[in-house]
């Protein structure tokens, strides 16, 4: 499996992030969340925009907590922060 593919599977993402724990910790401290709309926070990093649907019901009818809007690509709905971290680590770190 290519490193960039780890974000799509929650278990693989958690394993990848655990393997890169030091980088993941640095990335987490670099993320700055700001109010985007009621119930939604947004962080921008490396040209990506990350939306965190705090309730999991504001942006979509189905349960998903995070939406990645990668620079120059279609948006991706993700279920947990591990998947977001795996994506950014694999793509940018």
PDB file of N, CA and C in Angstrom:
ATOM      1  N   UNK A   1       0.856  -1.173   0.000  1.00  0.00           N
ATOM      2  CA  UNK A   1       0.000   0.000   0.000  1.00  0.00           C
ATOM      3  C   UNK A   1       0.903   1.237   0.000  1.00  0.00           C
ATOM      4  N   UNK A   2       0.620   2.161  -0.873  1.00  0.00           N
ATOM      5  CA  UNK A   2       1.335   3.426  -0.946  1.00  0.00           C
ATOM      6  C   UNK A   2       0.955   4.280   0.266  1.00  0.00           C
ATOM      7  N   UNK A   3       1.898   5.055   0.782  1.00  0.00           N
ATOM      8  CA  UNK A   3       1.647   5.857   1.983  1.00  0.00           C
ATOM      9  C   UNK A   3       0.422   6.758   1.836  1.00  0.00           C
ATOM     10  N   UNK A   4       0.191   7.315   0.678  1.00  0.00           N
ATOM     11  CA  UNK A   4      -0.931   8.222   0.473  1.00  0.00           C
ATOM     12  C   UNK A   4      -2.274   7.495   0.597  1.00  0.00           C
ATOM     13  N   UNK A   5      -2.288   6.174   0.430  1.00  0.00           N
ATOM     14  CA  UNK A   5      -3.520   5.398   0.528  1.00  0.00           C
ATOM     15  C   UNK A   5      -3.955   5.155   1.973  1.00  0.00           C
ATOM     16  N   UNK A   6      -3.082   5.402   2.930  1.00  0.00           N
ATOM     17  CA  UNK A   6      -3.400   5.098   4.318  1.00  0.00           C
ATOM     18  C   UNK A   6      -4.575   5.906   4.858  1.00  0.00           C
ATOM     19  N   UNK A   7      -4.832   7.071   4.320  1.00  0.00           N
ATOM     20  CA  UNK A   7      -5.904   7.892   4.872  1.00  0.00           C
ATOM     21  C   UNK A   7      -7.279   7.298   4.645  1.00  0.00           C
ATOM     22  N   UNK A   8      -7.450   6.463   3.624  1.00  0.00           N
ATOM     23  CA  UNK A   8      -8.786   5.976   3.282  1.00  0.00           C
ATOM     24  C   UNK A   8      -9.281   4.852   4.189  1.00  0.00           C
ATOM     25  N   UNK A   9      -8.400   4.171   4.895  1.00  0.00           N
ATOM     26  CA  UNK A   9      -8.781   3.077   5.789  1.00  0.00           C
ATOM     27  C   UNK A   9      -8.431   3.482   7.218  1.00  0.00           C
ATOM     28  N   UNK A  10      -9.423   3.477   8.120  1.00  0.00           N
ATOM     29  CA  UNK A  10      -9.213   3.969   9.485  1.00  0.00           C
ATOM     30  C   UNK A  10      -8.125   3.190  10.231  1.00  0.00           C
ATOM     31  N   UNK A  11      -8.112   1.858  10.100  1.00  0.00           N
ATOM     32  CA  UNK A  11      -7.097   1.062  10.804  1.00  0.00           C
ATOM     33  C   UNK A  11      -5.703   1.313  10.243  1.00  0.00           C
ATOM     34  N   UNK A  12      -5.596   1.372   8.927  1.00  0.00           N
ATOM     35  CA  UNK A  12      -4.299   1.644   8.302  1.00  0.00           C
ATOM     36  C   UNK A  12      -3.820   3.046   8.655  1.00  0.00           C
ATOM     37  N   UNK A  13      -4.737   3.996   8.719  1.00  0.00           N
ATOM     38  CA  UNK A  13      -4.379   5.370   9.077  1.00  0.00           C
ATOM     39  C   UNK A  13      -3.831   5.419  10.498  1.00  0.00           C
ATOM     40  N   UNK A  14      -4.493   4.742  11.426  1.00  0.00           N
ATOM     41  CA  UNK A  14      -4.035   4.727  12.820  1.00  0.00           C
ATOM     42  C   UNK A  14      -2.648   4.109  12.934  1.00  0.00           C
ATOM     43  N   UNK A  15      -2.393   3.032  12.195  1.00  0.00           N
ATOM     44  CA  UNK A  15      -1.084   2.380  12.206  1.00  0.00           C
ATOM     45  C   UNK A  15      -0.017   3.311  11.637  1.00  0.00           C
ATOM     46  N   UNK A  16      -0.332   3.964  10.540  1.00  0.00           N
ATOM     47  CA  UNK A  16       0.611   4.889   9.897  1.00  0.00           C
ATOM     48  C   UNK A  16       0.937   6.064  10.815  1.00  0.00           C
ATOM     49  N   UNK A  17      -0.085   6.629  11.444  1.00  0.00           N
ATOM     50  CA  UNK A  17       0.125   7.758  12.353  1.00  0.00           C
ATOM     51  C   UNK A  17       0.945   7.315  13.566  1.00  0.00           C
ATOM     52  N   UNK A  18       0.673   6.129  14.094  1.00  0.00           N
ATOM     53  CA  UNK A  18       1.440   5.613  15.236  1.00  0.00           C
ATOM     54  C   UNK A  18       2.906   5.438  14.871  1.00  0.00           C
ATOM     55  N   UNK A  19       3.164   4.972  13.660  1.00  0.00           N
ATOM     56  CA  UNK A  19       4.534   4.792  13.190  1.00  0.00           C
ATOM     57  C   UNK A  19       5.254   6.138  13.073  1.00  0.00           C
ATOM     58  N   UNK A  20       4.494   7.184  12.793  1.00  0.00           N
ATOM     59  CA  UNK A  20       5.070   8.527  12.638  1.00  0.00           C
ATOM     60  C   UNK A  20       4.607   9.438  13.773  1.00  0.00           C
ATOM     61  N   UNK A  21       4.613   8.900  14.987  1.00  0.00           N
ATOM     62  CA  UNK A  21       4.056   9.594  16.155  1.00  0.00           C
ATOM     63  C   UNK A  21       4.678  10.964  16.394  1.00  0.00           C
ATOM     64  N   UNK A  22       5.985  11.074  16.251  1.00  0.00           N
ATOM     65  CA  UNK A  22       6.642  12.354  16.499  1.00  0.00           C
ATOM     66  C   UNK A  22       6.190  13.407  15.480  1.00  0.00           C
ATOM     67  N   UNK A  23       6.129  13.023  14.214  1.00  0.00           N
ATOM     68  CA  UNK A  23       5.645  13.939  13.175  1.00  0.00           C
ATOM     69  C   UNK A  23       4.175  14.287  13.395  1.00  0.00           C
ATOM     70  N   UNK A  24       3.382  13.294  13.792  1.00  0.00           N
ATOM     71  CA  UNK A  24       1.951  13.521  14.029  1.00  0.00           C
ATOM     72  C   UNK A  24       1.745  14.522  15.163  1.00  0.00           C
ATOM     73  N   UNK A  25       2.557  14.411  16.218  1.00  0.00           N
ATOM     74  CA  UNK A  25       2.450  15.348  17.341  1.00  0.00           C
ATOM     75  C   UNK A  25       2.789  16.770  16.889  1.00  0.00           C
ATOM     76  N   UNK A  26       3.832  16.909  16.076  1.00  0.00           N
ATOM     77  CA  UNK A  26       4.207  18.234  15.559  1.00  0.00           C
ATOM     78  C   UNK A  26       3.108  18.793  14.667  1.00  0.00           C
ATOM     79  N   UNK A  27       2.519  17.938  13.840  1.00  0.00           N
ATOM     80  CA  UNK A  27       1.434  18.369  12.959  1.00  0.00           C
ATOM     81  C   UNK A  27       0.222  18.813  13.770  1.00  0.00           C
ATOM     82  N   UNK A  28      -0.141  18.038  14.782  1.00  0.00           N
ATOM     83  CA  UNK A  28      -1.281  18.407  15.630  1.00  0.00           C
ATOM     84  C   UNK A  28      -1.082  19.776  16.271  1.00  0.00           C
ATOM     85  N   UNK A  29       0.133  20.051  16.740  1.00  0.00           N
ATOM     86  CA  UNK A  29       0.365  21.348  17.370  1.00  0.00           C
ATOM     87  C   UNK A  29       0.404  22.473  16.334  1.00  0.00           C
ATOM     88  N   UNK A  30       0.633  22.149  15.067  1.00  0.00           N
ATOM     89  CA  UNK A  30       0.651  23.167  14.013  1.00  0.00           C
ATOM     90  C   UNK A  30      -0.750  23.524  13.520  1.00  0.00           C
ATOM     91  N   UNK A  31      -1.710  22.628  13.725  1.00  0.00           N
ATOM     92  CA  UNK A  31      -3.080  22.897  13.266  1.00  0.00           C
ATOM     93  C   UNK A  31      -3.727  23.959  14.141  1.00  0.00           C
ATOM     94  N   UNK A  32      -4.294  24.962  13.519  1.00  0.00           N
ATOM     95  CA  UNK A  32      -4.998  26.040  14.211  1.00  0.00           C
ATOM     96  C   UNK A  32      -6.444  26.025  13.745  1.00  0.00           C
ATOM     97  N   UNK A  33      -7.338  25.643  14.655  1.00  0.00           N
ATOM     98  CA  UNK A  33      -8.757  25.553  14.327  1.00  0.00           C
ATOM     99  C   UNK A  33      -9.415  26.898  14.567  1.00  0.00           C
ATOM    100  N   UNK A  34     -10.264  27.304  13.619  1.00  0.00           N
ATOM    101  CA  UNK A  34     -11.012  28.560  13.732  1.00  0.00           C
ATOM    102  C   UNK A  34     -12.486  28.291  13.454  1.00  0.00           C
ATOM    103  N   UNK A  35     -13.335  29.151  13.970  1.00  0.00           N
ATOM    104  CA  UNK A  35     -14.773  29.019  13.722  1.00  0.00           C
ATOM    105  C   UNK A  35     -15.027  29.202  12.232  1.00  0.00           C
ATOM    106  N   UNK A  36     -15.797  28.289  11.649  1.00  0.00           N
ATOM    107  CA  UNK A  36     -16.135  28.359  10.230  1.00  0.00           C
ATOM    108  C   UNK A  36     -17.618  28.650  10.059  1.00  0.00           C
ATOM    109  N   UNK A  37     -18.442  27.866  10.741  1.00  0.00           N
ATOM    110  CA  UNK A  37     -19.883  28.067  10.790  1.00  0.00           C
ATOM    111  C   UNK A  37     -20.378  27.331  12.032  1.00  0.00           C
ATOM    112  N   UNK A  38     -21.620  27.484  12.393  1.00  0.00           N
ATOM    113  CA  UNK A  38     -22.132  26.850  13.600  1.00  0.00           C
ATOM    114  C   UNK A  38     -21.875  25.343  13.558  1.00  0.00           C
ATOM    115  N   UNK A  39     -21.158  24.863  14.555  1.00  0.00           N
ATOM    116  CA  UNK A  39     -20.868  23.431  14.661  1.00  0.00           C
ATOM    117  C   UNK A  39     -19.705  22.945  13.823  1.00  0.00           C
ATOM    118  N   UNK A  40     -19.026  23.859  13.120  1.00  0.00           N
ATOM    119  CA  UNK A  40     -17.936  23.454  12.232  1.00  0.00           C
ATOM    120  C   UNK A  40     -16.708  24.337  12.475  1.00  0.00           C
ATOM    121  N   UNK A  41     -15.554  23.688  12.640  1.00  0.00           N
ATOM    122  CA  UNK A  41     -14.277  24.385  12.748  1.00  0.00           C
ATOM    123  C   UNK A  41     -13.476  24.112  11.488  1.00  0.00           C
ATOM    124  N   UNK A  42     -12.543  25.023  11.179  1.00  0.00           N
ATOM    125  CA  UNK A  42     -11.720  24.848   9.984  1.00  0.00           C
ATOM    126  C   UNK A  42     -10.262  25.125  10.323  1.00  0.00           C
ATOM    127  N   UNK A  43      -9.397  24.321   9.724  1.00  0.00           N
ATOM    128  CA  UNK A  43      -7.956  24.553   9.809  1.00  0.00           C
ATOM    129  C   UNK A  43      -7.418  24.543   8.381  1.00  0.00           C
ATOM    130  N   UNK A  44      -6.422  25.380   8.133  1.00  0.00           N
ATOM    131  CA  UNK A  44      -5.774  25.410   6.820  1.00  0.00           C
ATOM    132  C   UNK A  44      -4.294  25.122   7.022  1.00  0.00           C
ATOM    133  N   UNK A  45      -3.772  24.223   6.199  1.00  0.00           N
ATOM    134  CA  UNK A  45      -2.351  23.902   6.267  1.00  0.00           C
ATOM    135  C   UNK A  45      -1.908  23.342   4.916  1.00  0.00           C
ATOM    136  N   UNK A  46      -0.769  23.766   4.428  1.00  0.00           N
ATOM    137  CA  UNK A  46      -0.200  23.317   3.156  1.00  0.00           C
ATOM    138  C   UNK A  46      -1.169  23.458   1.980  1.00  0.00           C
ATOM    139  N   UNK A  47      -2.022  24.462   2.025  1.00  0.00           N
ATOM    140  CA  UNK A  47      -2.979  24.676   0.947  1.00  0.00           C
ATOM    141  C   UNK A  47      -4.230  23.824   1.061  1.00  0.00           C
ATOM    142  N   UNK A  48      -4.273  22.941   2.060  1.00  0.00           N
ATOM    143  CA  UNK A  48      -5.455  22.108   2.302  1.00  0.00           C
ATOM    144  C   UNK A  48      -6.364  22.822   3.296  1.00  0.00           C
ATOM    145  N   UNK A  49      -7.637  22.611   3.156  1.00  0.00           N
ATOM    146  CA  UNK A  49      -8.595  23.101   4.132  1.00  0.00           C
ATOM    147  C   UNK A  49      -9.250  21.878   4.762  1.00  0.00           C
ATOM    148  N   UNK A  50      -9.289  21.863   6.091  1.00  0.00           N
ATOM    149  CA  UNK A  50      -9.862  20.741   6.826  1.00  0.00           C
ATOM    150  C   UNK A  50     -11.066  21.264   7.594  1.00  0.00           C
ATOM    151  N   UNK A  51     -12.209  20.681   7.362  1.00  0.00           N
ATOM    152  CA  UNK A  51     -13.416  21.046   8.098  1.00  0.00           C
ATOM    153  C   UNK A  51     -13.700  19.962   9.124  1.00  0.00           C
ATOM    154  N   UNK A  52     -13.924  20.381  10.357  1.00  0.00           N
ATOM    155  CA  UNK A  52     -14.249  19.458  11.444  1.00  0.00           C
ATOM    156  C   UNK A  52     -15.686  19.710  11.845  1.00  0.00           C
ATOM    157  N   UNK A  53     -16.550  18.797  11.490  1.00  0.00           N
ATOM    158  CA  UNK A  53     -17.967  18.857  11.834  1.00  0.00           C
ATOM    159  C   UNK A  53     -18.084  18.299  13.245  1.00  0.00           C
ATOM    160  N   UNK A  54     -18.126  19.178  14.225  1.00  0.00           N
ATOM    161  CA  UNK A  54     -18.050  18.779  15.625  1.00  0.00           C
ATOM    162  C   UNK A  54     -19.172  17.807  15.990  1.00  0.00           C
ATOM    163  N   UNK A  55     -20.384  18.025  15.499  1.00  0.00           N
ATOM    164  CA  UNK A  55     -21.508  17.132  15.772  1.00  0.00           C
ATOM    165  C   UNK A  55     -21.533  15.926  14.845  1.00  0.00           C
ATOM    166  N   UNK A  56     -20.937  16.057  13.679  1.00  0.00           N
ATOM    167  CA  UNK A  56     -20.969  14.981  12.702  1.00  0.00           C
ATOM    168  C   UNK A  56     -22.237  14.954  11.881  1.00  0.00           C
ATOM    169  N   UNK A  57     -23.046  16.009  11.966  1.00  0.00           N
ATOM    170  CA  UNK A  57     -24.317  16.039  11.228  1.00  0.00           C
ATOM    171  C   UNK A  57     -24.568  17.365  10.520  1.00  0.00           C
ATOM    172  N   UNK A  58     -23.658  18.298  10.597  1.00  0.00           N
ATOM    173  CA  UNK A  58     -23.883  19.621  10.032  1.00  0.00           C
ATOM    174  C   UNK A  58     -23.598  19.674   8.537  1.00  0.00           C
ATOM    175  N   UNK A  59     -22.488  19.096   8.108  1.00  0.00           N
ATOM    176  CA  UNK A  59     -22.083  19.190   6.704  1.00  0.00           C
ATOM    177  C   UNK A  59     -22.753  18.145   5.816  1.00  0.00           C
ATOM    178  N   UNK A  60     -23.053  16.983   6.376  1.00  0.00           N
ATOM    179  CA  UNK A  60     -23.597  15.866   5.598  1.00  0.00           C
ATOM    180  C   UNK A  60     -24.720  15.194   6.375  1.00  0.00           C
ATOM    181  N   UNK A  61     -25.600  14.549   5.678  1.00  0.00           N
ATOM    182  CA  UNK A  61     -26.675  13.807   6.330  1.00  0.00           C
ATOM    183  C   UNK A  61     -26.131  12.545   6.997  1.00  0.00           C
ATOM    184  N   UNK A  62     -25.049  11.985   6.461  1.00  0.00           N
ATOM    185  CA  UNK A  62     -24.452  10.782   7.046  1.00  0.00           C
ATOM    186  C   UNK A  62     -23.381  11.189   8.051  1.00  0.00           C
ATOM    187  N   UNK A  63     -23.019  10.280   8.934  1.00  0.00           N
ATOM    188  CA  UNK A  63     -22.071  10.584  10.003  1.00  0.00           C
ATOM    189  C   UNK A  63     -20.637  10.602   9.494  1.00  0.00           C
ATOM    190  N   UNK A  64     -20.057  11.771   9.451  1.00  0.00           N
ATOM    191  CA  UNK A  64     -18.633  11.935   9.167  1.00  0.00           C
ATOM    192  C   UNK A  64     -18.187  13.179   9.908  1.00  0.00           C
ATOM    193  N   UNK A  65     -17.023  13.127  10.495  1.00  0.00           N
ATOM    194  CA  UNK A  65     -16.591  14.264  11.300  1.00  0.00           C
ATOM    195  C   UNK A  65     -15.661  15.220  10.567  1.00  0.00           C
ATOM    196  N   UNK A  66     -14.937  14.728   9.589  1.00  0.00           N
ATOM    197  CA  UNK A  66     -13.943  15.572   8.930  1.00  0.00           C
ATOM    198  C   UNK A  66     -14.142  15.557   7.424  1.00  0.00           C
ATOM    199  N   UNK A  67     -13.911  16.700   6.823  1.00  0.00           N
ATOM    200  CA  UNK A  67     -13.923  16.802   5.366  1.00  0.00           C
ATOM    201  C   UNK A  67     -12.625  17.485   4.957  1.00  0.00           C
ATOM    202  N   UNK A  68     -11.853  16.820   4.121  1.00  0.00           N
ATOM    203  CA  UNK A  68     -10.611  17.377   3.608  1.00  0.00           C
ATOM    204  C   UNK A  68     -10.897  18.009   2.258  1.00  0.00           C
ATOM    205  N   UNK A  69     -10.407  19.198   2.065  1.00  0.00           N
ATOM    206  CA  UNK A  69     -10.465  19.844   0.768  1.00  0.00           C
ATOM    207  C   UNK A  69      -9.015  20.029   0.338  1.00  0.00           C
ATOM    208  N   UNK A  70      -8.427  18.968  -0.226  1.00  0.00           N
ATOM    209  CA  UNK A  70      -7.007  19.034  -0.591  1.00  0.00           C
ATOM    210  C   UNK A  70      -6.760  20.047  -1.698  1.00  0.00           C
ATOM    211  N   UNK A  71      -5.599  20.634  -1.652  1.00  0.00           N
ATOM    212  CA  UNK A  71      -5.201  21.601  -2.672  1.00  0.00           C
ATOM    213  C   UNK A  71      -5.249  20.934  -4.045  1.00  0.00           C
ATOM    214  N   UNK A  72      -6.066  21.475  -4.936  1.00  0.00           N
ATOM    215  CA  UNK A  72      -6.143  20.999  -6.307  1.00  0.00           C
ATOM    216  C   UNK A  72      -6.804  19.651  -6.506  1.00  0.00           C
ATOM    217  N   UNK A  73      -7.637  19.212  -5.538  1.00  0.00           N
ATOM    218  CA  UNK A  73      -8.297  17.904  -5.673  1.00  0.00           C
ATOM    219  C   UNK A  73      -9.721  17.987  -5.137  1.00  0.00           C
ATOM    220  N   UNK A  74     -10.506  16.948  -5.397  1.00  0.00           N
ATOM    221  CA  UNK A  74     -11.872  16.878  -4.891  1.00  0.00           C
ATOM    222  C   UNK A  74     -11.860  16.676  -3.384  1.00  0.00           C
ATOM    223  N   UNK A  75     -12.970  17.071  -2.738  1.00  0.00           N
ATOM    224  CA  UNK A  75     -13.060  16.905  -1.299  1.00  0.00           C
ATOM    225  C   UNK A  75     -13.198  15.433  -0.923  1.00  0.00           C
ATOM    226  N   UNK A  76     -12.783  15.122   0.295  1.00  0.00           N
ATOM    227  CA  UNK A  76     -12.779  13.755   0.803  1.00  0.00           C
ATOM    228  C   UNK A  76     -13.449  13.771   2.171  1.00  0.00           C
ATOM    229  N   UNK A  77     -14.433  12.918   2.397  1.00  0.00           N
ATOM    230  CA  UNK A  77     -15.066  12.813   3.702  1.00  0.00           C
ATOM    231  C   UNK A  77     -14.329  11.746   4.506  1.00  0.00           C
ATOM    232  N   UNK A  78     -13.922  12.097   5.723  1.00  0.00           N
ATOM    233  CA  UNK A  78     -13.166  11.186   6.576  1.00  0.00           C
ATOM    234  C   UNK A  78     -13.834  11.075   7.939  1.00  0.00           C
ATOM    235  N   UNK A  79     -13.719   9.913   8.550  1.00  0.00           N
ATOM    236  CA  UNK A  79     -14.404   9.658   9.809  1.00  0.00           C
ATOM    237  C   UNK A  79     -13.655  10.085  11.049  1.00  0.00           C
ATOM    238  N   UNK A  80     -12.318  10.137  10.989  1.00  0.00           N
ATOM    239  CA  UNK A  80     -11.598  10.479  12.217  1.00  0.00           C
ATOM    240  C   UNK A  80     -10.321  11.271  11.936  1.00  0.00           C
ATOM    241  N   UNK A  81      -9.794  11.830  13.006  1.00  0.00           N
ATOM    242  CA  UNK A  81      -8.624  12.691  12.904  1.00  0.00           C
ATOM    243  C   UNK A  81      -7.383  11.914  12.462  1.00  0.00           C
ATOM    244  N   UNK A  82      -7.301  10.632  12.804  1.00  0.00           N
ATOM    245  CA  UNK A  82      -6.166   9.814  12.374  1.00  0.00           C
ATOM    246  C   UNK A  82      -6.065   9.801  10.849  1.00  0.00           C
ATOM    247  N   UNK A  83      -7.196   9.723  10.178  1.00  0.00           N
ATOM    248  CA  UNK A  83      -7.202   9.710   8.715  1.00  0.00           C
ATOM    249  C   UNK A  83      -6.738  11.055   8.157  1.00  0.00           C
ATOM    250  N   UNK A  84      -7.148  12.146   8.786  1.00  0.00           N
ATOM    251  CA  UNK A  84      -6.704  13.476   8.367  1.00  0.00           C
ATOM    252  C   UNK A  84      -5.194  13.586   8.536  1.00  0.00           C
ATOM    253  N   UNK A  85      -4.691  13.176   9.699  1.00  0.00           N
ATOM    254  CA  UNK A  85      -3.254  13.243   9.957  1.00  0.00           C
ATOM    255  C   UNK A  85      -2.477  12.377   8.976  1.00  0.00           C
ATOM    256  N   UNK A  86      -2.965  11.162   8.720  1.00  0.00           N
ATOM    257  CA  UNK A  86      -2.285  10.254   7.781  1.00  0.00           C
ATOM    258  C   UNK A  86      -2.196  10.887   6.402  1.00  0.00           C
ATOM    259  N   UNK A  87      -3.275  11.520   5.963  1.00  0.00           N
ATOM    260  CA  UNK A  87      -3.272  12.152   4.648  1.00  0.00           C
ATOM    261  C   UNK A  87      -2.213  13.249   4.570  1.00  0.00           C
ATOM    262  N   UNK A  88      -2.218  14.139   5.552  1.00  0.00           N
ATOM    263  CA  UNK A  88      -1.269  15.261   5.514  1.00  0.00           C
ATOM    264  C   UNK A  88       0.165  14.786   5.694  1.00  0.00           C
ATOM    265  N   UNK A  89       0.385  13.839   6.604  1.00  0.00           N
ATOM    266  CA  UNK A  89       1.740  13.304   6.790  1.00  0.00           C
ATOM    267  C   UNK A  89       2.260  12.668   5.514  1.00  0.00           C
ATOM    268  N   UNK A  90       1.427  11.871   4.871  1.00  0.00           N
ATOM    269  CA  UNK A  90       1.854  11.172   3.657  1.00  0.00           C
ATOM    270  C   UNK A  90       2.065  12.134   2.488  1.00  0.00           C
ATOM    271  N   UNK A  91       1.250  13.149   2.437  1.00  0.00           N
ATOM    272  CA  UNK A  91       1.293  14.075   1.290  1.00  0.00           C
ATOM    273  C   UNK A  91       2.328  15.188   1.471  1.00  0.00           C
ATOM    274  N   UNK A  92       2.504  15.670   2.709  1.00  0.00           N
ATOM    275  CA  UNK A  92       3.294  16.880   2.912  1.00  0.00           C
ATOM    276  C   UNK A  92       4.476  16.770   3.877  1.00  0.00           C
ATOM    277  N   UNK A  93       4.594  15.708   4.652  1.00  0.00           N
ATOM    278  CA  UNK A  93       5.681  15.631   5.641  1.00  0.00           C
ATOM    279  C   UNK A  93       6.606  14.505   5.279  1.00  0.00           C
TER     280      UNK A  93
END
